[in-house]
Amino acid sequence: MGAAVKAGTATIPGFEVDTGELRQFVFGPRPTRTFFRVLLWSLLSLAFFHHLLVPIQIIGSSMSPTYASGQLNLVNRWSYAGRMPTRGDVIAVRADGELLLKRIVAVPGETVAIVRGEIEVDGKPLADEFSSRKVPWEMESVTLSANEFFVIGDNRPASVFCKVRKTDILGKTVF
């Protein structure tokens, strides 16, 4: 026959545990209070990671060597709440239903072109410390209107480029 167990105890091989003590250890002396604390922290965490820092995973090589495929990063959604993005910022942007990680190379009011593989901003070659590789295509000059930015990946030959509106920018990468 099975082992006899006293009311209020649980038998774990080698141990006899009072279920009241176990419950108090897990839930604390006030289980209702513990439940509401866990609920509050869960809601705060959800709000924090949905509205402030959004985790994203890098997929592809368009931003290498700066960011590797598979790497996890955080995007600060409030980074541009009171200011405009600047050249050199790495941003998460919505384009064609996808979330892309790109670098801003031209800001509103500037004219950008790709001539003989070099990115030119306002007729001058871009002083680009992020990529020494040339772009394998040409692009006629385009003047960016207010709230438009020109973005491209750091791995120029394997990247797409595009104009994006400020409203399409999700935020700036944290690291």
C-alpha atoms as a PDB file:
ATOM      1  CA  MET A   1       0.000   0.000   0.000  1.00  0.00           C
ATOM      2  CA  GLY A   2       1.003   3.654  -0.376  1.00  0.00           C
ATOM      3  CA  ALA A   3       2.638   5.748   2.310  1.00  0.00           C
ATOM      4  CA  ALA A   4       0.377   7.545   4.722  1.00  0.00           C
ATOM      5  CA  VAL A   5       0.420  11.313   4.409  1.00  0.00           C
ATOM      6  CA  LYS A   6      -0.685  13.700   7.142  1.00  0.00           C
ATOM      7  CA  ALA A   7      -3.089  16.475   6.213  1.00  0.00           C
ATOM      8  CA  GLY A   8      -1.233  19.641   5.240  1.00  0.00           C
ATOM      9  CA  THR A   9       2.011  17.918   4.236  1.00  0.00           C
ATOM     10  CA  ALA A  10       3.510  16.808   0.969  1.00  0.00           C
ATOM     11  CA  THR A  11       6.146  14.152   0.605  1.00  0.00           C
ATOM     12  CA  ILE A  12       9.029  14.774  -1.729  1.00  0.00           C
ATOM     13  CA  PRO A  13      11.564  11.946  -1.836  1.00  0.00           C
ATOM     14  CA  GLY A  14      13.808  12.578   1.143  1.00  0.00           C
ATOM     15  CA  PHE A  15      11.753  15.543   2.423  1.00  0.00           C
ATOM     16  CA  GLU A  16       8.501  16.149   4.172  1.00  0.00           C
ATOM     17  CA  VAL A  17       7.169  19.644   3.452  1.00  0.00           C
ATOM     18  CA  ASP A  18       4.341  21.432   5.192  1.00  0.00           C
ATOM     19  CA  THR A  19       2.119  22.730   2.357  1.00  0.00           C
ATOM     20  CA  GLY A  20       1.265  25.851   4.360  1.00  0.00           C
ATOM     21  CA  GLU A  21       4.949  26.741   4.627  1.00  0.00           C
ATOM     22  CA  LEU A  22       5.479  25.988   0.936  1.00  0.00           C
ATOM     23  CA  ARG A  23       2.534  28.195  -0.042  1.00  0.00           C
ATOM     24  CA  GLN A  24       3.818  30.998   2.166  1.00  0.00           C
ATOM     25  CA  PHE A  25       7.334  30.639   0.708  1.00  0.00           C
ATOM     26  CA  VAL A  26       6.046  30.824  -2.882  1.00  0.00           C
ATOM     27  CA  PHE A  27       3.295  33.420  -2.488  1.00  0.00           C
ATOM     28  CA  GLY A  28       4.403  35.259   0.633  1.00  0.00           C
ATOM     29  CA  PRO A  29       2.326  35.905   3.729  1.00  0.00           C
ATOM     30  CA  ARG A  30      -0.337  37.753   1.646  1.00  0.00           C
ATOM     31  CA  PRO A  31      -1.063  35.866  -1.615  1.00  0.00           C
ATOM     32  CA  THR A  32      -3.532  38.498  -2.882  1.00  0.00           C
ATOM     33  CA  ARG A  33      -0.947  41.245  -2.455  1.00  0.00           C
ATOM     34  CA  THR A  34       1.675  39.118  -4.229  1.00  0.00           C
ATOM     35  CA  PHE A  35      -0.730  38.471  -7.116  1.00  0.00           C
ATOM     36  CA  PHE A  36      -1.372  42.190  -7.612  1.00  0.00           C
ATOM     37  CA  ARG A  37       2.360  42.966  -7.458  1.00  0.00           C
ATOM     38  CA  VAL A  38       3.075  40.349 -10.135  1.00  0.00           C
ATOM     39  CA  LEU A  39       0.207  41.700 -12.241  1.00  0.00           C
ATOM     40  CA  LEU A  40       1.447  45.294 -11.874  1.00  0.00           C
ATOM     41  CA  TRP A  41       5.048  44.390 -12.808  1.00  0.00           C
ATOM     42  CA  SER A  42       3.813  42.364 -15.781  1.00  0.00           C
ATOM     43  CA  LEU A  43       1.740  45.275 -17.081  1.00  0.00           C
ATOM     44  CA  LEU A  44       4.596  47.739 -16.531  1.00  0.00           C
ATOM     45  CA  SER A  45       7.020  45.431 -18.372  1.00  0.00           C
ATOM     46  CA  LEU A  46       4.605  44.992 -21.247  1.00  0.00           C
ATOM     47  CA  ALA A  47       4.084  48.755 -21.536  1.00  0.00           C
ATOM     48  CA  PHE A  48       7.827  49.421 -21.254  1.00  0.00           C
ATOM     49  CA  PHE A  49       8.799  46.978 -24.008  1.00  0.00           C
ATOM     50  CA  HIS A  50       5.890  47.913 -26.267  1.00  0.00           C
ATOM     51  CA  HIS A  51       5.918  51.689 -25.992  1.00  0.00           C
ATOM     52  CA  LEU A  52       9.478  52.662 -25.074  1.00  0.00           C
ATOM     53  CA  LEU A  53      12.068  50.004 -25.923  1.00  0.00           C
ATOM     54  CA  VAL A  54      11.056  47.596 -28.661  1.00  0.00           C
ATOM     55  CA  PRO A  55      13.243  44.481 -29.022  1.00  0.00           C
ATOM     56  CA  ILE A  56      14.093  43.565 -32.624  1.00  0.00           C
ATOM     57  CA  GLN A  57      16.234  40.843 -34.135  1.00  0.00           C
ATOM     58  CA  ILE A  58      18.543  41.680 -37.036  1.00  0.00           C
ATOM     59  CA  ILE A  59      17.850  39.511 -40.073  1.00  0.00           C
ATOM     60  CA  GLY A  60      20.191  39.670 -43.059  1.00  0.00           C
ATOM     61  CA  SER A  61      23.533  41.264 -43.775  1.00  0.00           C
ATOM     62  CA  SER A  62      22.554  44.749 -44.973  1.00  0.00           C
ATOM     63  CA  MET A  63      23.925  46.364 -41.788  1.00  0.00           C
ATOM     64  CA  SER A  64      27.075  44.266 -41.386  1.00  0.00           C
ATOM     65  CA  PRO A  65      29.692  44.665 -40.033  1.00  0.00           C
ATOM     66  CA  THR A  66      27.984  47.101 -37.624  1.00  0.00           C
ATOM     67  CA  TYR A  67      25.168  44.658 -36.796  1.00  0.00           C
ATOM     68  CA  ALA A  68      25.301  40.893 -37.372  1.00  0.00           C
ATOM     69  CA  SER A  69      22.407  38.760 -38.548  1.00  0.00           C
ATOM     70  CA  GLY A  70      20.643  37.168 -35.585  1.00  0.00           C
ATOM     71  CA  GLN A  71      21.753  39.887 -33.175  1.00  0.00           C
ATOM     72  CA  LEU A  72      19.115  41.271 -30.800  1.00  0.00           C
ATOM     73  CA  ASN A  73      18.797  45.025 -30.408  1.00  0.00           C
ATOM     74  CA  LEU A  74      16.474  47.518 -28.758  1.00  0.00           C
ATOM     75  CA  VAL A  75      14.821  50.459 -30.499  1.00  0.00           C
ATOM     76  CA  ASN A  76      13.955  53.544 -28.452  1.00  0.00           C
ATOM     77  CA  ARG A  77      10.550  54.689 -29.726  1.00  0.00           C
ATOM     78  CA  TRP A  78      10.754  58.042 -27.916  1.00  0.00           C
ATOM     79  CA  SER A  79      14.196  59.056 -29.175  1.00  0.00           C
ATOM     80  CA  TYR A  80      12.731  61.507 -31.700  1.00  0.00           C
ATOM     81  CA  ALA A  81       9.820  62.800 -29.650  1.00  0.00           C
ATOM     82  CA  GLY A  82      11.333  66.273 -29.269  1.00  0.00           C
ATOM     83  CA  ARG A  83      13.923  66.373 -32.036  1.00  0.00           C
ATOM     84  CA  MET A  84      14.589  65.381 -35.625  1.00  0.00           C
ATOM     85  CA  PRO A  85      16.765  62.405 -36.596  1.00  0.00           C
ATOM     86  CA  THR A  86      20.296  63.276 -37.702  1.00  0.00           C
ATOM     87  CA  ARG A  87      22.740  61.928 -40.270  1.00  0.00           C
ATOM     88  CA  GLY A  88      24.512  58.813 -39.020  1.00  0.00           C
ATOM     89  CA  ASP A  89      21.668  57.618 -36.771  1.00  0.00           C
ATOM     90  CA  VAL A  90      20.755  53.937 -37.109  1.00  0.00           C
ATOM     91  CA  ILE A  91      16.993  53.680 -37.143  1.00  0.00           C
ATOM     92  CA  ALA A  92      14.236  51.110 -37.394  1.00  0.00           C
ATOM     93  CA  VAL A  93      11.934  52.075 -40.239  1.00  0.00           C
ATOM     94  CA  ARG A  94       8.729  50.636 -41.645  1.00  0.00           C
ATOM     95  CA  ALA A  95       9.015  50.119 -45.400  1.00  0.00           C
ATOM     96  CA  ASP A  96       6.766  47.970 -47.573  1.00  0.00           C
ATOM     97  CA  GLY A  97       5.270  46.204 -44.544  1.00  0.00           C
ATOM     98  CA  GLU A  98       8.666  45.261 -43.109  1.00  0.00           C
ATOM     99  CA  LEU A  99      10.704  46.632 -40.238  1.00  0.00           C
ATOM    100  CA  LEU A 100      14.186  47.499 -41.522  1.00  0.00           C
ATOM    101  CA  LEU A 101      17.325  48.685 -39.751  1.00  0.00           C
ATOM    102  CA  LYS A 102      19.066  51.410 -41.791  1.00  0.00           C
ATOM    103  CA  ARG A 103      21.442  54.354 -41.394  1.00  0.00           C
ATOM    104  CA  ILE A 104      20.381  57.919 -42.212  1.00  0.00           C
ATOM    105  CA  VAL A 105      22.716  59.433 -44.829  1.00  0.00           C
ATOM    106  CA  ALA A 106      20.714  62.526 -45.855  1.00  0.00           C
ATOM    107  CA  VAL A 107      18.231  64.725 -43.995  1.00  0.00           C
ATOM    108  CA  PRO A 108      15.358  67.004 -45.107  1.00  0.00           C
ATOM    109  CA  GLY A 109      16.279  69.701 -47.621  1.00  0.00           C
ATOM    110  CA  GLU A 110      19.414  67.936 -48.880  1.00  0.00           C
ATOM    111  CA  THR A 111      19.956  66.567 -52.370  1.00  0.00           C
ATOM    112  CA  VAL A 112      21.292  63.016 -52.543  1.00  0.00           C
ATOM    113  CA  ALA A 113      22.650  61.072 -55.531  1.00  0.00           C
ATOM    114  CA  ILE A 114      24.781  57.994 -56.175  1.00  0.00           C
ATOM    115  CA  VAL A 115      27.508  58.704 -58.717  1.00  0.00           C
ATOM    116  CA  ARG A 116      30.111  56.042 -59.705  1.00  0.00           C
ATOM    117  CA  GLY A 117      29.279  54.094 -56.542  1.00  0.00           C
ATOM    118  CA  GLU A 118      29.744  57.066 -54.219  1.00  0.00           C
ATOM    119  CA  ILE A 119      26.905  58.622 -52.233  1.00  0.00           C
ATOM    120  CA  GLU A 120      26.856  62.377 -52.757  1.00  0.00           C
ATOM    121  CA  VAL A 121      24.976  64.799 -50.530  1.00  0.00           C
ATOM    122  CA  ASP A 122      24.496  68.289 -51.960  1.00  0.00           C
ATOM    123  CA  GLY A 123      27.061  67.491 -54.668  1.00  0.00           C
ATOM    124  CA  LYS A 124      29.815  66.437 -52.223  1.00  0.00           C
ATOM    125  CA  PRO A 125      30.909  62.857 -51.478  1.00  0.00           C
ATOM    126  CA  LEU A 126      29.489  61.599 -48.207  1.00  0.00           C
ATOM    127  CA  ALA A 127      32.089  61.539 -45.425  1.00  0.00           C
ATOM    128  CA  ASP A 128      31.134  58.006 -44.446  1.00  0.00           C
ATOM    129  CA  GLU A 129      33.004  56.304 -41.614  1.00  0.00           C
ATOM    130  CA  PHE A 130      30.536  53.417 -41.493  1.00  0.00           C
ATOM    131  CA  SER A 131      31.225  51.862 -44.886  1.00  0.00           C
ATOM    132  CA  SER A 132      34.200  51.928 -47.198  1.00  0.00           C
ATOM    133  CA  ARG A 133      32.430  49.858 -49.851  1.00  0.00           C
ATOM    134  CA  LYS A 134      30.942  51.428 -52.938  1.00  0.00           C
ATOM    135  CA  VAL A 135      27.346  51.149 -54.016  1.00  0.00           C
ATOM    136  CA  PRO A 136      27.088  48.940 -57.140  1.00  0.00           C
ATOM    137  CA  TRP A 137      24.513  51.169 -58.866  1.00  0.00           C
ATOM    138  CA  GLU A 138      23.788  54.741 -59.893  1.00  0.00           C
ATOM    139  CA  MET A 139      20.957  57.001 -58.749  1.00  0.00           C
ATOM    140  CA  GLU A 140      19.947  60.382 -60.098  1.00  0.00           C
ATOM    141  CA  SER A 141      19.800  63.236 -57.634  1.00  0.00           C
ATOM    142  CA  VAL A 142      16.730  63.540 -55.425  1.00  0.00           C
ATOM    143  CA  THR A 143      15.957  66.490 -53.183  1.00  0.00           C
ATOM    144  CA  LEU A 144      14.380  65.488 -49.887  1.00  0.00           C
ATOM    145  CA  SER A 145      11.328  67.435 -48.796  1.00  0.00           C
ATOM    146  CA  ALA A 146      10.467  68.340 -45.213  1.00  0.00           C
ATOM    147  CA  ASN A 147      10.253  65.229 -43.004  1.00  0.00           C
ATOM    148  CA  GLU A 148      11.968  62.967 -45.604  1.00  0.00           C
ATOM    149  CA  PHE A 149      15.207  61.094 -44.952  1.00  0.00           C
ATOM    150  CA  PHE A 150      17.437  58.994 -47.182  1.00  0.00           C
ATOM    151  CA  VAL A 151      18.512  55.703 -45.597  1.00  0.00           C
ATOM    152  CA  ILE A 152      20.775  52.823 -46.614  1.00  0.00           C
ATOM    153  CA  GLY A 153      22.482  49.870 -44.901  1.00  0.00           C
ATOM    154  CA  ASP A 154      26.172  49.853 -43.941  1.00  0.00           C
ATOM    155  CA  ASN A 155      26.862  46.875 -46.233  1.00  0.00           C
ATOM    156  CA  ARG A 156      26.307  48.951 -49.375  1.00  0.00           C
ATOM    157  CA  PRO A 157      26.451  46.173 -52.027  1.00  0.00           C
ATOM    158  CA  ALA A 158      23.900  44.034 -50.136  1.00  0.00           C
ATOM    159  CA  SER A 159      21.568  46.815 -49.043  1.00  0.00           C
ATOM    160  CA  VAL A 160      18.530  48.617 -50.325  1.00  0.00           C
ATOM    161  CA  PHE A 161      18.160  52.361 -50.102  1.00  0.00           C
ATOM    162  CA  CYS A 162      15.060  54.482 -49.915  1.00  0.00           C
ATOM    163  CA  LYS A 163      13.460  57.741 -48.945  1.00  0.00           C
ATOM    164  CA  VAL A 164      11.432  57.498 -45.750  1.00  0.00           C
ATOM    165  CA  ARG A 165       9.132  59.894 -43.952  1.00  0.00           C
ATOM    166  CA  LYS A 166       9.627  60.740 -40.292  1.00  0.00           C
ATOM    167  CA  THR A 167       6.281  59.080 -39.568  1.00  0.00           C
ATOM    168  CA  ASP A 168       7.701  55.762 -40.888  1.00  0.00           C
ATOM    169  CA  ILE A 169      10.612  55.846 -38.410  1.00  0.00           C
ATOM    170  CA  LEU A 170       9.901  53.620 -35.410  1.00  0.00           C
ATOM    171  CA  GLY A 171      12.890  54.903 -33.418  1.00  0.00           C
ATOM    172  CA  LYS A 172      16.638  54.904 -32.926  1.00  0.00           C
ATOM    173  CA  THR A 173      18.649  51.839 -31.975  1.00  0.00           C
ATOM    174  CA  VAL A 174      19.976  51.821 -28.431  1.00  0.00           C
ATOM    175  CA  PHE A 175      23.276  50.039 -29.154  1.00  0.00           C
END
